[in-house]
Every structure is written in C-alpha cells, then in structure tokens.
PDB file of all heavy atoms in Angstrom:
ATOM      1  N   GLY A   1      81.973 123.949 111.773  1.00  0.00           N
ATOM      2  CA  GLY A   1      81.820 122.497 111.847  1.00  0.00           C
ATOM      3  C   GLY A   1      81.375 121.829 110.565  1.00  0.00           C
ATOM      4  O   GLY A   1      81.337 120.601 110.493  1.00  0.00           O
ATOM      5  N   SER A   2      81.029 122.592 109.542  1.00  0.00           N
ATOM      6  CA  SER A   2      80.631 121.994 108.258  1.00  0.00           C
ATOM      7  C   SER A   2      81.883 121.632 107.457  1.00  0.00           C
ATOM      8  O   SER A   2      82.923 122.282 107.577  1.00  0.00           O
ATOM      9  CB  SER A   2      79.753 122.965 107.460  1.00  0.00           C
ATOM     10  OG  SER A   2      80.468 124.150 107.150  1.00  0.00           O
ATOM     11  N   PHE A   3      81.754 120.588 106.642  1.00  0.00           N
ATOM     12  CA  PHE A   3      82.899 120.115 105.874  1.00  0.00           C
ATOM     13  C   PHE A   3      83.130 120.982 104.636  1.00  0.00           C
ATOM     14  O   PHE A   3      82.183 121.393 103.964  1.00  0.00           O
ATOM     15  CB  PHE A   3      82.692 118.662 105.444  1.00  0.00           C
ATOM     16  CG  PHE A   3      82.814 117.685 106.577  1.00  0.00           C
ATOM     17  CD1 PHE A   3      81.681 117.184 107.198  1.00  0.00           C
ATOM     18  CD2 PHE A   3      84.067 117.275 107.020  1.00  0.00           C
ATOM     19  CE1 PHE A   3      81.794 116.292 108.246  1.00  0.00           C
ATOM     20  CE2 PHE A   3      84.183 116.381 108.068  1.00  0.00           C
ATOM     21  CZ  PHE A   3      83.046 115.889 108.687  1.00  0.00           C
ATOM     22  N   ARG A   4      84.377 121.233 104.341  1.00  0.00           N
ATOM     23  CA  ARG A   4      84.736 121.982 103.135  1.00  0.00           C
ATOM     24  C   ARG A   4      84.652 121.050 101.932  1.00  0.00           C
ATOM     25  O   ARG A   4      85.019 119.876 102.011  1.00  0.00           O
ATOM     26  CB  ARG A   4      86.142 122.555 103.254  1.00  0.00           C
ATOM     27  CG  ARG A   4      86.333 123.499 104.431  1.00  0.00           C
ATOM     28  CD  ARG A   4      87.790 123.884 104.607  1.00  0.00           C
ATOM     29  NE  ARG A   4      88.240 124.753 103.520  1.00  0.00           N
ATOM     30  CZ  ARG A   4      89.505 125.121 103.356  1.00  0.00           C
ATOM     31  NH1 ARG A   4      90.449 124.663 104.177  1.00  0.00           N
ATOM     32  NH2 ARG A   4      89.839 125.924 102.361  1.00  0.00           N
ATOM     33  N   SER A   5      84.166 121.563 100.829  1.00  0.00           N
ATOM     34  CA  SER A   5      84.109 120.780  99.598  1.00  0.00           C
ATOM     35  C   SER A   5      85.406 120.980  98.804  1.00  0.00           C
ATOM     36  O   SER A   5      86.211 121.872  99.113  1.00  0.00           O
ATOM     37  CB  SER A   5      82.913 121.215  98.740  1.00  0.00           C
ATOM     38  OG  SER A   5      83.139 122.514  98.207  1.00  0.00           O
ATOM     39  N   VAL A   6      85.598 120.171  97.782  1.00  0.00           N
ATOM     40  CA  VAL A   6      86.784 120.344  96.939  1.00  0.00           C
ATOM     41  C   VAL A   6      86.760 121.698  96.248  1.00  0.00           C
ATOM     42  O   VAL A   6      87.813 122.303  95.987  1.00  0.00           O
ATOM     43  CB  VAL A   6      86.914 119.201  95.908  1.00  0.00           C
ATOM     44  CG1 VAL A   6      87.235 117.878  96.593  1.00  0.00           C
ATOM     45  CG2 VAL A   6      85.661 119.076  95.050  1.00  0.00           C
ATOM     46  N   ARG A   7      85.562 122.214  95.943  1.00  0.00           N
ATOM     47  CA  ARG A   7      85.462 123.532  95.311  1.00  0.00           C
ATOM     48  C   ARG A   7      85.909 124.639  96.277  1.00  0.00           C
ATOM     49  O   ARG A   7      86.482 125.648  95.851  1.00  0.00           O
ATOM     50  CB  ARG A   7      84.033 123.797  94.841  1.00  0.00           C
ATOM     51  CG  ARG A   7      83.888 125.081  94.015  1.00  0.00           C
ATOM     52  CD  ARG A   7      82.433 125.353  93.692  1.00  0.00           C
ATOM     53  NE  ARG A   7      81.857 124.310  92.861  1.00  0.00           N
ATOM     54  CZ  ARG A   7      81.935 124.294  91.536  1.00  0.00           C
ATOM     55  NH1 ARG A   7      82.571 125.242  90.895  1.00  0.00           N
ATOM     56  NH2 ARG A   7      81.366 123.319  90.862  1.00  0.00           N
ATOM     57  N   ASP A   8      85.646 124.463  97.566  1.00  0.00           N
ATOM     58  CA  ASP A   8      86.084 125.448  98.559  1.00  0.00           C
ATOM     59  C   ASP A   8      87.599 125.575  98.577  1.00  0.00           C
ATOM     60  O   ASP A   8      88.134 126.631  98.915  1.00  0.00           O
ATOM     61  CB  ASP A   8      85.587 125.061  99.956  1.00  0.00           C
ATOM     62  CG  ASP A   8      84.075 125.152 100.089  1.00  0.00           C
ATOM     63  OD1 ASP A   8      83.487 126.066  99.490  1.00  0.00           O
ATOM     64  OD2 ASP A   8      83.490 124.296 100.766  1.00  0.00           O
ATOM     65  N   ILE A   9      88.291 124.505  98.231  1.00  0.00           N
ATOM     66  CA  ILE A   9      89.760 124.519  98.240  1.00  0.00           C
ATOM     67  C   ILE A   9      90.331 124.884  96.872  1.00  0.00           C
ATOM     68  O   ILE A   9      91.192 125.756  96.761  1.00  0.00           O
ATOM     69  CB  ILE A   9      90.300 123.150  98.701  1.00  0.00           C
ATOM     70  CG1 ILE A   9      89.891 122.901 100.160  1.00  0.00           C
ATOM     71  CG2 ILE A   9      91.822 123.081  98.559  1.00  0.00           C
ATOM     72  CD1 ILE A   9      90.287 121.545 100.702  1.00  0.00           C
ATOM     73  N   PHE A  10      89.828 124.266  95.810  1.00  0.00           N
ATOM     74  CA  PHE A  10      90.383 124.510  94.478  1.00  0.00           C
ATOM     75  C   PHE A  10      89.853 125.798  93.833  1.00  0.00           C
ATOM     76  O   PHE A  10      90.508 126.362  92.958  1.00  0.00           O
ATOM     77  CB  PHE A  10      90.075 123.329  93.552  1.00  0.00           C
ATOM     78  CG  PHE A  10      90.909 122.117  93.819  1.00  0.00           C
ATOM     79  CD1 PHE A  10      90.342 120.977  94.352  1.00  0.00           C
ATOM     80  CD2 PHE A  10      92.271 122.104  93.549  1.00  0.00           C
ATOM     81  CE1 PHE A  10      91.108 119.846  94.600  1.00  0.00           C
ATOM     82  CE2 PHE A  10      93.042 120.984  93.785  1.00  0.00           C
ATOM     83  CZ  PHE A  10      92.465 119.858  94.321  1.00  0.00           C
ATOM     84  N   LYS A  11      88.661 126.210  94.236  1.00  0.00           N
ATOM     85  CA  LYS A  11      88.023 127.417  93.698  1.00  0.00           C
ATOM     86  C   LYS A  11      87.991 127.359  92.173  1.00  0.00           C
ATOM     87  O   LYS A  11      87.461 126.425  91.600  1.00  0.00           O
ATOM     88  CB  LYS A  11      88.730 128.668  94.226  1.00  0.00           C
ATOM     89  CG  LYS A  11      88.703 128.758  95.753  1.00  0.00           C
ATOM     90  CD  LYS A  11      89.244 130.054  96.247  1.00  0.00           C
ATOM     91  CE  LYS A  11      89.319 130.067  97.769  1.00  0.00           C
ATOM     92  NZ  LYS A  11      88.028 129.832  98.429  1.00  0.00           N
ATOM     93  N   HIS A  12      88.577 128.344  91.486  1.00  0.00           N
ATOM     94  CA  HIS A  12      88.459 128.427  90.015  1.00  0.00           C
ATOM     95  C   HIS A  12      89.348 127.424  89.284  1.00  0.00           C
ATOM     96  O   HIS A  12      89.262 127.303  88.057  1.00  0.00           O
ATOM     97  CB  HIS A  12      88.779 129.841  89.544  1.00  0.00           C
ATOM     98  CG  HIS A  12      87.851 130.889  90.091  1.00  0.00           C
ATOM     99  ND1 HIS A  12      86.486 130.882  89.830  1.00  0.00           N
ATOM    100  CD2 HIS A  12      88.078 131.950  90.912  1.00  0.00           C
ATOM    101  CE1 HIS A  12      85.932 131.905  90.442  1.00  0.00           C
ATOM    102  NE2 HIS A  12      86.861 132.573  91.110  1.00  0.00           N
ATOM    103  N   ASP A  13      90.198 126.709  90.026  1.00  0.00           N
ATOM    104  CA  ASP A  13      91.009 125.669  89.377  1.00  0.00           C
ATOM    105  C   ASP A  13      90.192 124.419  89.064  1.00  0.00           C
ATOM    106  O   ASP A  13      90.652 123.547  88.316  1.00  0.00           O
ATOM    107  CB  ASP A  13      92.185 125.276  90.277  1.00  0.00           C
ATOM    108  CG  ASP A  13      93.309 126.294  90.232  1.00  0.00           C
ATOM    109  OD1 ASP A  13      93.323 127.113  89.295  1.00  0.00           O
ATOM    110  OD2 ASP A  13      94.164 126.286  91.134  1.00  0.00           O
ATOM    111  N   LEU A  14      88.998 124.322  89.640  1.00  0.00           N
ATOM    112  CA  LEU A  14      88.172 123.122  89.471  1.00  0.00           C
ATOM    113  C   LEU A  14      87.099 123.327  88.408  1.00  0.00           C
ATOM    114  O   LEU A  14      86.386 124.331  88.414  1.00  0.00           O
ATOM    115  CB  LEU A  14      87.508 122.755  90.799  1.00  0.00           C
ATOM    116  CG  LEU A  14      86.516 121.587  90.792  1.00  0.00           C
ATOM    117  CD1 LEU A  14      87.205 120.277  90.448  1.00  0.00           C
ATOM    118  CD2 LEU A  14      85.792 121.485  92.132  1.00  0.00           C
ATOM    119  N   GLU A  15      86.999 122.380  87.501  1.00  0.00           N
ATOM    120  CA  GLU A  15      85.919 122.345  86.507  1.00  0.00           C
ATOM    121  C   GLU A  15      85.287 120.962  86.520  1.00  0.00           C
ATOM    122  O   GLU A  15      85.851 120.021  87.079  1.00  0.00           O
ATOM    123  CB  GLU A  15      86.452 122.650  85.096  1.00  0.00           C
ATOM    124  CG  GLU A  15      86.999 124.041  84.912  1.00  0.00           C
ATOM    125  CD  GLU A  15      87.467 124.276  83.481  1.00  0.00           C
ATOM    126  OE1 GLU A  15      87.316 123.352  82.644  1.00  0.00           O
ATOM    127  OE2 GLU A  15      87.999 125.370  83.206  1.00  0.00           O
ATOM    128  N   TYR A  16      84.117 120.869  85.888  1.00  0.00           N
ATOM    129  CA  TYR A  16      83.461 119.570  85.739  1.00  0.00           C
ATOM    130  C   TYR A  16      83.155 119.319  84.275  1.00  0.00           C
ATOM    131  O   TYR A  16      82.841 120.245  83.519  1.00  0.00           O
ATOM    132  CB  TYR A  16      82.175 119.505  86.560  1.00  0.00           C
ATOM    133  CG  TYR A  16      82.417 119.355  88.037  1.00  0.00           C
ATOM    134  CD1 TYR A  16      82.439 120.464  88.866  1.00  0.00           C
ATOM    135  CD2 TYR A  16      82.653 118.097  88.597  1.00  0.00           C
ATOM    136  CE1 TYR A  16      82.676 120.337  90.231  1.00  0.00           C
ATOM    137  CE2 TYR A  16      82.890 117.957  89.956  1.00  0.00           C
ATOM    138  CZ  TYR A  16      82.897 119.083  90.761  1.00  0.00           C
ATOM    139  OH  TYR A  16      83.140 118.952  92.100  1.00  0.00           O
ATOM    140  N   LYS A  17      83.232 118.058  83.917  1.00  0.00           N
ATOM    141  CA  LYS A  17      82.979 117.659  82.541  1.00  0.00           C
ATOM    142  C   LYS A  17      81.823 116.662  82.520  1.00  0.00           C
ATOM    143  O   LYS A  17      81.799 115.706  83.312  1.00  0.00           O
ATOM    144  CB  LYS A  17      84.230 117.023  81.942  1.00  0.00           C
ATOM    145  CG  LYS A  17      84.324 117.128  80.422  1.00  0.00           C
ATOM    146  CD  LYS A  17      85.726 116.765  79.969  1.00  0.00           C
ATOM    147  CE  LYS A  17      85.896 117.053  78.483  1.00  0.00           C
ATOM    148  NZ  LYS A  17      87.278 116.735  78.026  1.00  0.00           N
ATOM    149  N   LEU A  18      80.866 116.898  81.638  1.00  0.00           N
ATOM    150  CA  LEU A  18      79.729 115.992  81.443  1.00  0.00           C
ATOM    151  C   LEU A  18      79.935 115.223  80.145  1.00  0.00           C
ATOM    152  O   LEU A  18      80.107 115.829  79.081  1.00  0.00           O
ATOM    153  CB  LEU A  18      78.428 116.781  81.373  1.00  0.00           C
ATOM    154  CG  LEU A  18      77.162 115.974  81.032  1.00  0.00           C
ATOM    155  CD1 LEU A  18      76.713 115.167  82.247  1.00  0.00           C
ATOM    156  CD2 LEU A  18      76.039 116.888  80.560  1.00  0.00           C
ATOM    157  N   TYR A  19      79.943 113.904  80.235  1.00  0.00           N
ATOM    158  CA  TYR A  19      79.996 113.049  79.049  1.00  0.00           C
ATOM    159  C   TYR A  19      78.593 112.479  78.830  1.00  0.00           C
ATOM    160  O   TYR A  19      78.010 111.900  79.752  1.00  0.00           O
ATOM    161  CB  TYR A  19      80.995 111.907  79.248  1.00  0.00           C
ATOM    162  CG  TYR A  19      82.433 112.359  79.359  1.00  0.00           C
ATOM    163  CD1 TYR A  19      82.989 112.661  80.605  1.00  0.00           C
ATOM    164  CD2 TYR A  19      83.239 112.480  78.231  1.00  0.00           C
ATOM    165  CE1 TYR A  19      84.309 113.080  80.717  1.00  0.00           C
ATOM    166  CE2 TYR A  19      84.563 112.889  78.333  1.00  0.00           C
ATOM    167  CZ  TYR A  19      85.085 113.188  79.577  1.00  0.00           C
ATOM    168  OH  TYR A  19      86.394 113.607  79.683  1.00  0.00           O
ATOM    169  N   TYR A  20      78.046 112.652  77.644  1.00  0.00           N
ATOM    170  CA  TYR A  20      76.687 112.175  77.380  1.00  0.00           C
ATOM    171  C   TYR A  20      76.605 111.565  75.980  1.00  0.00           C
ATOM    172  O   TYR A  20      77.367 111.923  75.073  1.00  0.00           O
ATOM    173  CB  TYR A  20      75.671 113.314  77.543  1.00  0.00           C
ATOM    174  CG  TYR A  20      75.831 114.465  76.571  1.00  0.00           C
ATOM    175  CD1 TYR A  20      74.977 114.608  75.470  1.00  0.00           C
ATOM    176  CD2 TYR A  20      76.823 115.430  76.747  1.00  0.00           C
ATOM    177  CE1 TYR A  20      75.119 115.665  74.584  1.00  0.00           C
ATOM    178  CE2 TYR A  20      76.966 116.490  75.873  1.00  0.00           C
ATOM    179  CZ  TYR A  20      76.114 116.601  74.792  1.00  0.00           C
ATOM    180  OH  TYR A  20      76.252 117.650  73.894  1.00  0.00           O
ATOM    181  N   TRP A  21      75.659 110.631  75.826  1.00  0.00           N
ATOM    182  CA  TRP A  21      75.493 109.928  74.567  1.00  0.00           C
ATOM    183  C   TRP A  21      74.081 109.366  74.478  1.00  0.00           C
ATOM    184  O   TRP A  21      73.411 109.179  75.493  1.00  0.00           O
ATOM    185  CB  TRP A  21      76.521 108.803  74.443  1.00  0.00           C
ATOM    186  CG  TRP A  21      76.428 107.745  75.504  1.00  0.00           C
ATOM    187  CD1 TRP A  21      75.766 106.561  75.451  1.00  0.00           C
ATOM    188  CD2 TRP A  21      77.010 107.806  76.822  1.00  0.00           C
ATOM    189  NE1 TRP A  21      75.892 105.867  76.621  1.00  0.00           N
ATOM    190  CE2 TRP A  21      76.656 106.603  77.494  1.00  0.00           C
ATOM    191  CE3 TRP A  21      77.793 108.747  77.496  1.00  0.00           C
ATOM    192  CZ2 TRP A  21      77.051 106.330  78.796  1.00  0.00           C
ATOM    193  CZ3 TRP A  21      78.187 108.470  78.801  1.00  0.00           C
ATOM    194  CH2 TRP A  21      77.814 107.285  79.436  1.00  0.00           C
ATOM    195  N   LYS A  22      73.635 109.125  73.256  1.00  0.00           N
ATOM    196  CA  LYS A  22      72.324 108.520  73.050  1.00  0.00           C
ATOM    197  C   LYS A  22      72.334 107.098  73.599  1.00  0.00           C
ATOM    198  O   LYS A  22      73.313 106.370  73.424  1.00  0.00           O
ATOM    199  CB  LYS A  22      71.954 108.495  71.566  1.00  0.00           C
ATOM    200  CG  LYS A  22      71.716 109.866  70.957  1.00  0.00           C
ATOM    201  CD  LYS A  22      71.371 109.761  69.490  1.00  0.00           C
ATOM    202  CE  LYS A  22      71.172 111.142  68.880  1.00  0.00           C
ATOM    203  NZ  LYS A  22      70.854 111.075  67.431  1.00  0.00           N
ATOM    204  N   ASP A  23      71.258 106.746  74.284  1.00  0.00           N
ATOM    205  CA  ASP A  23      71.162 105.401  74.840  1.00  0.00           C
ATOM    206  C   ASP A  23      71.338 104.366  73.733  1.00  0.00           C
ATOM    207  O   ASP A  23      70.792 104.520  72.637  1.00  0.00           O
ATOM    208  CB  ASP A  23      69.799 105.230  75.525  1.00  0.00           C
ATOM    209  CG  ASP A  23      69.776 104.027  76.450  1.00  0.00           C
ATOM    210  OD1 ASP A  23      70.840 103.401  76.631  1.00  0.00           O
ATOM    211  OD2 ASP A  23      68.710 103.727  76.999  1.00  0.00           O
ATOM    212  N   GLN A  24      72.088 103.323  73.993  1.00  0.00           N
ATOM    213  CA  GLN A  24      72.401 102.258  73.041  1.00  0.00           C
ATOM    214  C   GLN A  24      73.393 102.708  71.968  1.00  0.00           C
ATOM    215  O   GLN A  24      73.597 102.010  70.975  1.00  0.00           O
ATOM    216  CB  GLN A  24      71.132 101.715  72.350  1.00  0.00           C
ATOM    217  CG  GLN A  24      70.033 101.296  73.293  1.00  0.00           C
ATOM    218  CD  GLN A  24      70.458 100.187  74.229  1.00  0.00           C
ATOM    219  OE1 GLN A  24      71.220  99.305  73.858  1.00  0.00           O
ATOM    220  NE2 GLN A  24      69.983 100.233  75.476  1.00  0.00           N
ATOM    221  N   SER A  25      74.018 103.880  72.161  1.00  0.00           N
ATOM    222  CA  SER A  25      75.004 104.370  71.202  1.00  0.00           C
ATOM    223  C   SER A  25      76.361 104.468  71.889  1.00  0.00           C
ATOM    224  O   SER A  25      76.458 104.568  73.112  1.00  0.00           O
ATOM    225  CB  SER A  25      74.596 105.743  70.668  1.00  0.00           C
ATOM    226  OG  SER A  25      75.637 106.314  69.898  1.00  0.00           O
ATOM    227  N   SER A  26      77.436 104.472  71.106  1.00  0.00           N
ATOM    228  CA  SER A  26      78.793 104.550  71.670  1.00  0.00           C
ATOM    229  C   SER A  26      79.448 105.911  71.432  1.00  0.00           C
ATOM    230  O   SER A  26      80.536 106.167  71.947  1.00  0.00           O
ATOM    231  CB  SER A  26      79.673 103.444  71.073  1.00  0.00           C
ATOM    232  OG  SER A  26      79.733 103.585  69.661  1.00  0.00           O
ATOM    233  N   GLY A  27      78.800 106.762  70.639  1.00  0.00           N
ATOM    234  CA  GLY A  27      79.375 108.072  70.329  1.00  0.00           C
ATOM    235  C   GLY A  27      79.151 109.071  71.460  1.00  0.00           C
ATOM    236  O   GLY A  27      78.021 109.476  71.721  1.00  0.00           O
ATOM    237  N   LYS A  28      80.226 109.486  72.137  1.00  0.00           N
ATOM    238  CA  LYS A  28      80.105 110.396  73.280  1.00  0.00           C
ATOM    239  C   LYS A  28      80.343 111.846  72.881  1.00  0.00           C
ATOM    240  O   LYS A  28      81.155 112.138  72.010  1.00  0.00           O
ATOM    241  CB  LYS A  28      81.113 110.023  74.376  1.00  0.00           C
ATOM    242  CG  LYS A  28      80.819 108.730  75.098  1.00  0.00           C
ATOM    243  CD  LYS A  28      81.840 108.508  76.214  1.00  0.00           C
ATOM    244  CE  LYS A  28      81.570 107.200  76.944  1.00  0.00           C
ATOM    245  NZ  LYS A  28      82.583 106.960  78.017  1.00  0.00           N
ATOM    246  N   LYS A  29      79.623 112.739  73.539  1.00  0.00           N
ATOM    247  CA  LYS A  29      79.884 114.168  73.463  1.00  0.00           C
ATOM    248  C   LYS A  29      80.198 114.648  74.876  1.00  0.00           C
ATOM    249  O   LYS A  29      79.944 113.937  75.847  1.00  0.00           O
ATOM    250  CB  LYS A  29      78.670 114.913  72.908  1.00  0.00           C
ATOM    251  CG  LYS A  29      78.338 114.566  71.461  1.00  0.00           C
ATOM    252  CD  LYS A  29      77.158 115.391  70.973  1.00  0.00           C
ATOM    253  CE  LYS A  29      76.830 115.058  69.529  1.00  0.00           C
ATOM    254  NZ  LYS A  29      75.678 115.863  69.022  1.00  0.00           N
ATOM    255  N   ASP A  30      80.747 115.847  74.996  1.00  0.00           N
ATOM    256  CA  ASP A  30      81.055 116.350  76.336  1.00  0.00           C
ATOM    257  C   ASP A  30      80.815 117.845  76.427  1.00  0.00           C
ATOM    258  O   ASP A  30      80.750 118.542  75.405  1.00  0.00           O
ATOM    259  CB  ASP A  30      82.503 116.019  76.717  1.00  0.00           C
ATOM    260  CG  ASP A  30      83.522 116.677  75.801  1.00  0.00           C
ATOM    261  OD1 ASP A  30      83.771 117.889  75.970  1.00  0.00           O
ATOM    262  OD2 ASP A  30      84.073 115.979  74.920  1.00  0.00           O
ATOM    263  N   ALA A  31      80.651 118.318  77.644  1.00  0.00           N
ATOM    264  CA  ALA A  31      80.453 119.745  77.928  1.00  0.00           C
ATOM    265  C   ALA A  31      81.119 120.045  79.265  1.00  0.00           C
ATOM    266  O   ALA A  31      81.288 119.163  80.106  1.00  0.00           O
ATOM    267  CB  ALA A  31      78.967 120.080  77.985  1.00  0.00           C
ATOM    268  N   ARG A  32      81.493 121.313  79.475  1.00  0.00           N
ATOM    269  CA  ARG A  32      82.160 121.725  80.713  1.00  0.00           C
ATOM    270  C   ARG A  32      81.366 122.798  81.433  1.00  0.00           C
ATOM    271  O   ARG A  32      80.590 123.534  80.820  1.00  0.00           O
ATOM    272  CB  ARG A  32      83.572 122.261  80.412  1.00  0.00           C
ATOM    273  CG  ARG A  32      84.539 121.219  79.897  1.00  0.00           C
ATOM    274  CD  ARG A  32      85.957 121.739  79.946  1.00  0.00           C
ATOM    275  NE  ARG A  32      86.908 120.772  79.431  1.00  0.00           N
ATOM    276  CZ  ARG A  32      88.224 120.852  79.589  1.00  0.00           C
ATOM    277  NH1 ARG A  32      88.748 121.862  80.271  1.00  0.00           N
ATOM    278  NH2 ARG A  32      89.025 119.929  79.091  1.00  0.00           N
ATOM    279  N   THR A  33      81.592 122.862  82.760  1.00  0.00           N
ATOM    280  CA  THR A  33      80.960 123.914  83.553  1.00  0.00           C
ATOM    281  C   THR A  33      81.825 124.245  84.758  1.00  0.00           C
ATOM    282  O   THR A  33      82.589 123.401  85.238  1.00  0.00           O
ATOM    283  CB  THR A  33      79.558 123.493  84.028  1.00  0.00           C
ATOM    284  OG1 THR A  33      78.929 124.590  84.681  1.00  0.00           O
ATOM    285  CG2 THR A  33      79.641 122.336  85.011  1.00  0.00           C
ATOM    286  N   ASN A  34      81.702 125.493  85.245  1.00  0.00           N
ATOM    287  CA  ASN A  34      82.346 125.910  86.495  1.00  0.00           C
ATOM    288  C   ASN A  34      81.330 126.000  87.631  1.00  0.00           C
ATOM    289  O   ASN A  34      81.671 126.382  88.748  1.00  0.00           O
ATOM    290  CB  ASN A  34      83.019 127.273  86.311  1.00  0.00           C
ATOM    291  CG  ASN A  34      84.237 127.199  85.409  1.00  0.00           C
ATOM    292  OD1 ASN A  34      85.077 126.316  85.563  1.00  0.00           O
ATOM    293  ND2 ASN A  34      84.332 128.104  84.450  1.00  0.00           N
ATOM    294  N   SER A  35      80.075 125.678  87.325  1.00  0.00           N
ATOM    295  CA  SER A  35      79.003 125.761  88.321  1.00  0.00           C
ATOM    296  C   SER A  35      78.592 124.356  88.748  1.00  0.00           C
ATOM    297  O   SER A  35      79.348 123.400  88.575  1.00  0.00           O
ATOM    298  CB  SER A  35      77.813 126.530  87.753  1.00  0.00           C
ATOM    299  OG  SER A  35      77.221 125.795  86.702  1.00  0.00           O
ATOM    300  N   HIS A  36      77.353 124.230  89.279  1.00  0.00           N
ATOM    301  CA  HIS A  36      76.835 122.927  89.700  1.00  0.00           C
ATOM    302  C   HIS A  36      75.766 122.402  88.749  1.00  0.00           C
ATOM    303  O   HIS A  36      75.043 121.466  89.106  1.00  0.00           O
ATOM    304  CB  HIS A  36      76.247 123.013  91.116  1.00  0.00           C
ATOM    305  CG  HIS A  36      77.268 123.280  92.168  1.00  0.00           C
ATOM    306  ND1 HIS A  36      77.441 124.505  92.736  1.00  0.00           N
ATOM    307  CD2 HIS A  36      78.186 122.456  92.741  1.00  0.00           C
ATOM    308  CE1 HIS A  36      78.412 124.445  93.628  1.00  0.00           C
ATOM    309  NE2 HIS A  36      78.888 123.214  93.647  1.00  0.00           N
ATOM    310  N   THR A  37      75.641 122.991  87.576  1.00  0.00           N
ATOM    311  CA  THR A  37      74.576 122.579  86.663  1.00  0.00           C
ATOM    312  C   THR A  37      75.090 122.455  85.231  1.00  0.00           C
ATOM    313  O   THR A  37      76.045 123.127  84.837  1.00  0.00           O
ATOM    314  CB  THR A  37      73.414 123.605  86.675  1.00  0.00           C
ATOM    315  OG1 THR A  37      73.899 124.880  86.232  1.00  0.00           O
ATOM    316  CG2 THR A  37      72.823 123.731  88.064  1.00  0.00           C
ATOM    317  N   PHE A  38      74.429 121.585  84.500  1.00  0.00           N
ATOM    318  CA  PHE A  38      74.627 121.474  83.051  1.00  0.00           C
ATOM    319  C   PHE A  38      73.276 121.648  82.375  1.00  0.00           C
ATOM    320  O   PHE A  38      72.256 121.141  82.858  1.00  0.00           O
ATOM    321  CB  PHE A  38      75.180 120.096  82.670  1.00  0.00           C
ATOM    322  CG  PHE A  38      76.629 119.893  82.984  1.00  0.00           C
ATOM    323  CD1 PHE A  38      77.015 119.239  84.145  1.00  0.00           C
ATOM    324  CD2 PHE A  38      77.618 120.340  82.117  1.00  0.00           C
ATOM    325  CE1 PHE A  38      78.352 119.042  84.445  1.00  0.00           C
ATOM    326  CE2 PHE A  38      78.956 120.145  82.400  1.00  0.00           C
ATOM    327  CZ  PHE A  38      79.322 119.493  83.565  1.00  0.00           C
ATOM    328  N   GLU A  39      73.258 122.341  81.253  1.00  0.00           N
ATOM    329  CA  GLU A  39      72.069 122.421  80.410  1.00  0.00           C
ATOM    330  C   GLU A  39      72.513 122.154  78.975  1.00  0.00           C
ATOM    331  O   GLU A  39      73.200 122.969  78.369  1.00  0.00           O
ATOM    332  CB  GLU A  39      71.385 123.789  80.514  1.00  0.00           C
ATOM    333  CG  GLU A  39      70.082 123.847  79.707  1.00  0.00           C
ATOM    334  CD  GLU A  39      69.325 125.147  79.902  1.00  0.00           C
ATOM    335  OE1 GLU A  39      69.183 125.568  81.070  1.00  0.00           O
ATOM    336  OE2 GLU A  39      68.900 125.736  78.893  1.00  0.00           O
TER     337      GLU A  39
END
C-alpha cells in the first residue's frame, strides 16, 4: 500500500543535480549524486 517513488522505477537511470551559488551572486556551480544527500 505504500507509494513507489521515481527512484523505485528508474533505479540507476535517475540522478540528481545540485545547483549552488554564493548568496547575492549569479555564478552557479553544480554537483551530482545517485543517493539522497549532497556534501
């Protein structure tokens, strides 16, 4: 009865991208992960 997440269906085809930048700045950087966390 629990709902499946998109990761349950896509498995290793799914990645996440984090876009981050200094506050008040326009220069973006990015990082990727296959898990649920970024460091």
